[in-house]
Amino acid sequence: MEKIWIDIRDKVCTKSSFGGLRKYLTRSKQTKYDLGENSKGNIYNAVNRICELRMSGRQWVFETDIENFFPSVNREILYSKLFPLRDNTIDNLIKQVLDTSVSNDSQLGELATLWNPELGVPQGGTLSPVLANLYLYEFDQVMEKHGFEMVRYVDDLIVLCVNEAEAKAAYDLSKSLLEKIGLSIHPLGVPSNGRIKTGIHSPGEKFDFLGLTFSPKTIMPKQAKFDLLKEKISNITDIKANKDVLVDVVKHINWCVKGWVNSYAFCNLQRDEHLVMIDRWVNNAVRRWMKFRGLIKDEANVSESAFRWLGVVSATDVRIDPILKNLKGVIQPRGEV
């Protein structure tokens, strides 16, 4: 059984893949595996690899995502890759997991769609990232064989190239390989839902990947990530939706801020701009909550020291030591924490 599991893991761990299952060596040189589609370590490793490749002179970037990936996975192709590697006693169990009908409710609460049991893999399932990497194993191998330096995180991928011709060749080959297994990518340079999802970026041009914006000397969370944090803070302090007491409000806000700030510890979050802005959001939200609850008068002002006394964390204080300096090819801007 152990040999079977190792075979499977080797088939979902490639040099180019960073989402789902990852292989690493311990100090004793034994091979271990990490599992987690949203693992911070996996994202950090992907970012680190991008920085290394950019430092090596690969400044052209081909960027794309696989269109409608999870629902488009061909089950027969997936089973042909999976079951020869497995103990057949659990084959039926895996099939049952994939065959389970899943309904998606519309905003009106009506049944919008029903999972097609003949096609695709349930997005968000525990096995889904691993099965996705297994499905794309040969794709990774062929891209690597042709000399392309790719960083793929499940269905999002970029290829870092030395010139525009190589970037265009990466587009052509990836499009051709994916079509052979029933997948597709968006047309090069053609907008979809208001943005271009497949593009080629020249040296010095910004590009987005993994919820981050990469520029020549900085890495930053996309604006949508800041907006999501602000929305979470507002939801926690929503006086109509939440009946929490102050100590619970503070506890939930602290969890939220600590998690967000340290998830992006490798980014160029500047103390006097981004972290102070987060503190302002938190303080204003807590102040509004206290006024609604009658704990302070409308005209009352709450000092920074008072927020600290109440236990409200400061984003500038909770941030762990920045690890951006360990990412090759990225220079920290002045004012960096």
Protein backbone atom coordinates (compact mmCIF):
# COMPACT_ATOMS: atom_id res chain seq x y z
CA MET A 1 0.00 0.00 0.00
CA GLU A 2 2.82 2.42 0.89
CA LYS A 3 4.42 2.01 -2.52
CA ILE A 4 1.07 2.79 -4.18
CA TRP A 5 0.70 6.04 -2.24
CA ILE A 6 4.24 7.13 -3.12
CA ASP A 7 3.54 6.48 -6.79
CA ILE A 8 0.45 8.68 -6.66
CA ARG A 9 2.25 11.47 -4.87
CA ASP A 10 5.05 11.42 -7.39
CA LYS A 11 2.42 11.81 -10.12
CA VAL A 12 0.97 14.98 -8.61
CA CYS A 13 4.20 16.71 -7.60
CA THR A 14 6.06 18.42 -10.42
CA LYS A 15 8.63 21.19 -10.48
CA SER A 16 6.03 23.53 -11.93
CA SER A 17 3.08 22.80 -9.62
CA PHE A 18 2.58 24.62 -6.30
CA GLY A 19 -1.09 24.10 -5.43
CA GLY A 20 -2.47 21.05 -3.63
CA LEU A 21 0.13 18.43 -2.70
CA ARG A 22 3.77 19.53 -2.44
CA LYS A 23 6.88 17.43 -2.01
CA TYR A 24 9.74 18.57 0.21
CA LEU A 25 12.78 17.10 1.95
CA THR A 26 13.23 17.08 5.70
CA ARG A 27 16.59 17.60 7.38
CA SER A 28 17.01 13.83 7.37
CA LYS A 29 16.59 13.95 3.56
CA GLN A 30 13.37 11.93 3.75
CA THR A 31 10.62 12.94 1.38
CA LYS A 32 7.52 14.45 3.00
CA TYR A 33 4.34 15.92 1.56
CA ASP A 34 2.18 18.96 2.32
CA LEU A 35 -1.52 19.00 1.48
CA GLY A 36 -3.58 22.17 1.21
CA GLU A 37 -4.85 24.12 -1.78
CA ASN A 38 -4.72 27.40 0.13
CA SER A 39 -1.52 26.73 2.05
CA LYS A 40 0.41 29.93 2.77
CA GLY A 41 3.61 27.94 2.36
CA ASN A 42 2.62 26.84 -1.13
CA ILE A 43 1.89 30.43 -2.20
CA TYR A 44 5.14 31.62 -0.68
CA ASN A 45 7.05 28.90 -2.55
CA ALA A 46 5.35 29.89 -5.80
CA VAL A 47 6.21 33.56 -5.27
CA ASN A 48 9.78 32.66 -4.38
CA ARG A 49 10.12 30.64 -7.58
CA ILE A 50 8.77 33.55 -9.64
CA CYS A 51 11.33 35.87 -8.09
CA GLU A 52 14.16 33.44 -8.79
CA LEU A 53 13.16 33.13 -12.44
CA ARG A 54 12.84 36.89 -12.88
CA MET A 55 16.30 37.35 -11.37
CA SER A 56 17.68 34.86 -13.87
CA GLY A 57 16.58 37.14 -16.73
CA ARG A 58 13.12 35.75 -17.46
CA GLN A 59 11.29 39.07 -17.50
CA TRP A 60 8.62 38.25 -20.09
CA VAL A 61 5.50 36.67 -18.59
CA PHE A 62 2.84 34.57 -20.26
CA GLU A 63 -0.16 34.50 -17.93
CA THR A 64 -3.41 32.54 -18.18
CA ASP A 65 -5.89 30.37 -16.32
CA ILE A 66 -7.59 27.22 -17.52
CA GLU A 67 -11.11 28.12 -18.51
CA ASN A 68 -13.86 26.53 -16.37
CA PHE A 69 -11.32 23.97 -15.22
CA PHE A 70 -12.94 21.80 -12.52
CA PRO A 71 -16.28 21.28 -14.31
CA SER A 72 -14.41 20.45 -17.56
CA VAL A 73 -12.21 17.62 -16.30
CA ASN A 74 -12.83 14.49 -18.36
CA ARG A 75 -13.64 11.70 -15.89
CA GLU A 76 -12.47 8.88 -18.14
CA ILE A 77 -9.08 10.50 -18.65
CA LEU A 78 -8.81 11.16 -14.91
CA TYR A 79 -9.72 7.56 -14.00
CA SER A 80 -7.18 6.22 -16.49
CA LYS A 81 -4.47 8.19 -14.70
CA LEU A 82 -5.69 7.46 -11.18
CA PHE A 83 -6.82 3.87 -10.85
CA PRO A 84 -3.73 2.05 -12.21
CA LEU A 85 -1.83 3.67 -9.34
CA ARG A 86 -4.29 2.75 -6.59
CA ASP A 87 -5.39 -0.15 -4.51
CA ASN A 88 -8.69 -1.17 -6.17
CA THR A 89 -10.42 -1.54 -2.79
CA ILE A 90 -10.95 2.24 -2.65
CA ASP A 91 -11.62 2.87 -6.35
CA ASN A 92 -15.39 2.82 -5.81
CA LEU A 93 -15.10 5.18 -2.87
CA ILE A 94 -13.28 7.76 -5.01
CA LYS A 95 -15.88 7.36 -7.76
CA GLN A 96 -18.66 7.95 -5.26
CA VAL A 97 -16.97 11.15 -4.10
CA LEU A 98 -16.74 12.43 -7.67
CA ASP A 99 -20.23 11.22 -8.64
CA THR A 100 -22.02 12.96 -5.78
CA SER A 101 -24.55 15.44 -7.15
CA VAL A 102 -23.92 18.97 -5.90
CA SER A 103 -26.48 21.75 -6.20
CA ASN A 104 -25.61 25.44 -6.49
CA ASP A 105 -28.27 27.84 -5.24
CA SER A 106 -28.84 31.09 -7.06
CA GLN A 107 -29.08 34.41 -5.22
CA LEU A 108 -32.84 33.95 -5.23
CA GLY A 109 -32.51 30.69 -3.32
CA GLU A 110 -33.57 28.61 -6.32
CA LEU A 111 -31.79 25.53 -7.58
CA ALA A 112 -29.52 26.93 -10.28
CA THR A 113 -27.43 23.98 -11.42
CA LEU A 114 -26.88 20.35 -10.62
CA TRP A 115 -23.41 18.80 -10.68
CA ASN A 116 -22.95 16.72 -13.81
CA PRO A 117 -21.92 13.26 -12.58
CA GLU A 118 -20.41 12.43 -15.97
CA LEU A 119 -17.96 15.32 -16.20
CA GLY A 120 -15.74 17.38 -13.97
CA VAL A 121 -14.44 17.40 -10.41
CA PRO A 122 -16.26 19.19 -7.56
CA GLN A 123 -14.47 22.48 -6.95
CA GLY A 124 -13.60 22.92 -3.30
CA GLY A 125 -13.57 19.20 -2.57
CA THR A 126 -10.78 17.83 -0.38
CA LEU A 127 -9.46 15.61 -3.16
CA SER A 128 -9.98 18.11 -5.96
CA PRO A 129 -6.60 19.93 -5.93
CA VAL A 130 -4.71 16.62 -5.83
CA LEU A 131 -6.81 15.15 -8.64
CA ALA A 132 -6.34 18.36 -10.62
CA ASN A 133 -2.56 18.03 -10.38
CA LEU A 134 -2.76 14.37 -11.39
CA TYR A 135 -4.87 15.34 -14.39
CA LEU A 136 -2.31 17.99 -15.41
CA TYR A 137 0.80 15.93 -14.66
CA GLU A 138 1.64 15.17 -18.31
CA PHE A 139 0.90 18.79 -19.23
CA ASP A 140 3.51 19.92 -16.70
CA GLN A 141 5.98 17.33 -17.93
CA VAL A 142 5.72 18.33 -21.59
CA MET A 143 5.98 22.04 -20.80
CA GLU A 144 9.10 21.35 -18.74
CA LYS A 145 10.53 19.08 -21.45
CA HIS A 146 10.25 21.96 -23.94
CA GLY A 147 12.25 24.16 -21.58
CA PHE A 148 9.43 26.37 -20.32
CA GLU A 149 9.78 27.65 -16.76
CA MET A 150 6.20 27.47 -15.52
CA VAL A 151 4.63 28.23 -12.15
CA ARG A 152 1.19 26.61 -11.92
CA TYR A 153 -1.21 26.82 -8.98
CA VAL A 154 -3.98 24.33 -9.82
CA ASP A 155 -5.72 26.04 -12.79
CA ASP A 156 -3.78 29.34 -12.76
CA LEU A 157 -0.40 29.46 -14.42
CA ILE A 158 2.34 31.73 -15.68
CA VAL A 159 5.41 30.98 -17.78
CA LEU A 160 8.46 33.20 -17.31
CA CYS A 161 10.36 33.71 -20.53
CA VAL A 162 13.48 35.41 -21.89
CA ASN A 163 11.73 37.13 -24.80
CA GLU A 164 8.37 37.70 -26.45
CA ALA A 165 8.84 34.88 -28.96
CA GLU A 166 9.24 32.35 -26.15
CA ALA A 167 6.13 33.71 -24.42
CA LYS A 168 4.09 33.29 -27.60
CA ALA A 169 5.47 29.76 -28.02
CA ALA A 170 4.41 28.98 -24.44
CA TYR A 171 0.90 30.14 -25.27
CA ASP A 172 0.72 28.01 -28.42
CA LEU A 173 2.02 24.85 -26.75
CA SER A 174 -0.11 25.15 -23.59
CA LYS A 175 -3.23 25.78 -25.67
CA SER A 176 -2.51 22.72 -27.83
CA LEU A 177 -1.71 20.42 -24.88
CA LEU A 178 -4.77 21.41 -22.89
CA GLU A 179 -7.10 20.94 -25.86
CA LYS A 180 -5.95 17.30 -26.05
CA ILE A 181 -7.38 16.64 -22.60
CA GLY A 182 -10.61 18.57 -23.10
CA LEU A 183 -9.51 21.88 -21.57
CA SER A 184 -9.03 25.37 -22.94
CA ILE A 185 -7.62 28.77 -22.11
CA HIS A 186 -9.00 32.17 -23.02
CA PRO A 187 -7.82 33.65 -26.34
CA LEU A 188 -4.64 35.68 -26.12
CA GLY A 189 -5.33 39.37 -25.48
CA VAL A 190 -9.12 39.05 -25.73
CA PRO A 191 -11.12 40.47 -22.77
CA SER A 192 -13.46 38.13 -20.88
CA ASN A 193 -15.90 39.55 -18.32
CA GLY A 194 -14.16 42.88 -18.47
CA ARG A 195 -10.55 41.75 -18.15
CA ILE A 196 -7.91 39.97 -20.18
CA LYS A 197 -7.32 36.52 -18.68
CA THR A 198 -4.64 35.39 -21.11
CA GLY A 199 -1.87 37.86 -21.81
CA ILE A 200 1.83 38.41 -22.43
CA HIS A 201 3.56 40.99 -20.27
CA SER A 202 6.79 42.71 -21.24
CA PRO A 203 9.65 43.49 -18.80
CA GLY A 204 8.63 46.22 -16.36
CA GLU A 205 4.91 45.64 -16.88
CA LYS A 206 2.77 44.69 -13.89
CA PHE A 207 0.89 41.40 -13.85
CA ASP A 208 -1.50 39.67 -11.42
CA PHE A 209 -1.15 36.12 -10.14
CA LEU A 210 -2.43 34.32 -7.03
CA GLY A 211 -4.27 37.41 -5.83
CA LEU A 212 -1.04 39.42 -5.96
CA THR A 213 0.21 42.21 -8.20
CA PHE A 214 3.81 41.81 -9.32
CA SER A 215 5.76 44.87 -10.42
CA PRO A 216 9.52 45.08 -11.11
CA LYS A 217 10.46 45.73 -7.48
CA THR A 218 7.37 45.05 -5.38
CA ILE A 219 4.77 42.40 -4.66
CA MET A 220 1.43 43.59 -3.30
CA PRO A 221 -1.99 42.08 -2.57
CA LYS A 222 -4.51 43.10 -5.22
CA GLN A 223 -6.89 45.89 -4.28
CA ALA A 224 -9.69 43.32 -4.03
CA LYS A 225 -7.85 41.71 -1.11
CA PHE A 226 -7.81 45.01 0.78
CA ASP A 227 -11.49 45.52 -0.02
CA LEU A 228 -12.32 42.04 1.28
CA LEU A 229 -10.52 42.74 4.57
CA LYS A 230 -12.42 46.01 5.00
CA GLU A 231 -15.69 44.21 4.31
CA LYS A 232 -14.90 41.53 6.91
CA ILE A 233 -14.15 44.19 9.52
CA SER A 234 -17.46 45.90 8.72
CA ASN A 235 -19.35 42.61 9.01
CA ILE A 236 -17.82 41.88 12.42
CA THR A 237 -18.93 45.28 13.72
CA ASP A 238 -22.37 45.24 12.08
CA ILE A 239 -24.62 46.16 14.99
CA LYS A 240 -27.74 44.77 13.27
CA ALA A 241 -26.27 41.40 12.33
CA ASN A 242 -24.14 40.65 15.38
CA LYS A 243 -25.18 40.65 19.03
CA ASP A 244 -21.65 40.10 20.35
CA VAL A 245 -20.31 41.92 23.39
CA LEU A 246 -17.25 44.14 23.03
CA VAL A 247 -14.79 41.48 24.07
CA ASP A 248 -16.04 39.14 21.31
CA VAL A 249 -16.00 41.91 18.70
CA VAL A 250 -12.39 42.70 19.58
CA LYS A 251 -11.43 39.02 19.54
CA HIS A 252 -12.91 38.42 16.07
CA ILE A 253 -11.35 41.59 14.64
CA ASN A 254 -7.95 40.62 16.03
CA TRP A 255 -8.16 37.18 14.44
CA CYS A 256 -9.13 38.75 11.13
CA VAL A 257 -6.36 41.38 11.12
CA LYS A 258 -3.62 39.04 12.34
CA GLY A 259 -4.51 36.40 9.76
CA TRP A 260 -4.69 38.84 6.85
CA VAL A 261 -1.55 40.82 7.67
CA ASN A 262 0.63 37.77 8.26
CA SER A 263 -0.74 35.97 5.19
CA TYR A 264 0.87 38.79 3.18
CA ALA A 265 4.00 39.14 5.30
CA PHE A 266 6.15 38.60 2.19
CA CYS A 267 4.54 41.57 0.43
CA ASN A 268 5.67 45.20 0.44
CA LEU A 269 3.11 46.38 2.98
CA GLN A 270 4.41 49.76 4.14
CA ARG A 271 3.92 50.88 7.72
CA ASP A 272 2.99 54.47 6.94
CA GLU A 273 0.52 53.59 4.18
CA HIS A 274 -1.06 50.15 4.12
CA LEU A 275 -0.81 49.07 7.76
CA VAL A 276 -1.87 52.47 9.10
CA MET A 277 -4.83 52.35 6.71
CA ILE A 278 -5.89 48.97 8.14
CA ASP A 279 -5.60 50.36 11.68
CA ARG A 280 -7.82 53.27 10.65
CA TRP A 281 -10.48 50.89 9.29
CA VAL A 282 -10.44 48.87 12.50
CA ASN A 283 -10.53 51.86 14.83
CA ASN A 284 -13.35 53.56 12.95
CA ALA A 285 -15.39 50.34 12.87
CA VAL A 286 -14.93 49.71 16.60
CA ARG A 287 -15.71 53.36 17.40
CA ARG A 288 -18.98 53.16 15.41
CA TRP A 289 -19.91 49.92 17.17
CA MET A 290 -19.31 51.48 20.59
CA LYS A 291 -21.43 54.52 19.68
CA PHE A 292 -24.29 52.33 18.46
CA ARG A 293 -24.15 50.37 21.71
CA GLY A 294 -24.12 53.53 23.79
CA LEU A 295 -20.71 52.84 25.28
CA ILE A 296 -19.44 56.28 24.20
CA LYS A 297 -21.14 59.52 23.24
CA ASP A 298 -21.49 60.49 19.59
CA GLU A 299 -19.00 63.32 19.90
CA ALA A 300 -16.49 61.28 21.91
CA ASN A 301 -13.07 60.58 20.51
CA VAL A 302 -11.17 57.38 21.25
CA SER A 303 -7.39 57.63 21.31
CA GLU A 304 -4.97 55.08 19.89
CA SER A 305 -3.85 54.16 23.40
CA ALA A 306 -7.49 53.58 24.39
CA PHE A 307 -7.94 51.10 21.53
CA ARG A 308 -4.81 49.27 22.68
CA TRP A 309 -6.17 49.26 26.26
CA LEU A 310 -9.38 47.70 24.94
CA GLY A 311 -7.25 44.95 23.37
CA VAL A 312 -7.68 46.01 19.73
CA VAL A 313 -4.54 44.99 17.86
CA SER A 314 -2.55 47.26 15.57
CA ALA A 315 -1.62 45.89 12.15
CA THR A 316 1.84 47.45 12.50
CA ASP A 317 2.39 45.59 15.78
CA VAL A 318 1.05 42.13 14.91
CA ARG A 319 2.93 41.72 11.66
CA ILE A 320 5.62 39.09 11.91
CA ASP A 321 9.15 39.82 10.76
CA PRO A 322 8.96 40.44 7.01
CA ILE A 323 10.31 37.58 4.93
CA LEU A 324 10.35 39.48 1.66
CA LYS A 325 14.11 39.86 1.95
CA ASN A 326 14.32 36.09 1.39
CA LEU A 327 12.58 36.40 -1.97
CA LYS A 328 15.26 36.77 -4.61
CA GLY A 329 14.90 39.66 -6.99
CA VAL A 330 12.55 41.82 -4.96
CA ILE A 331 13.85 45.02 -3.39
CA GLN A 332 12.02 46.31 -0.34
CA PRO A 333 10.91 49.94 -0.78
CA ARG A 334 11.86 52.60 1.71
CA GLY A 335 9.45 52.68 4.60
CA GLU A 336 9.02 48.91 4.59
CA VAL A 337 8.32 47.38 7.99
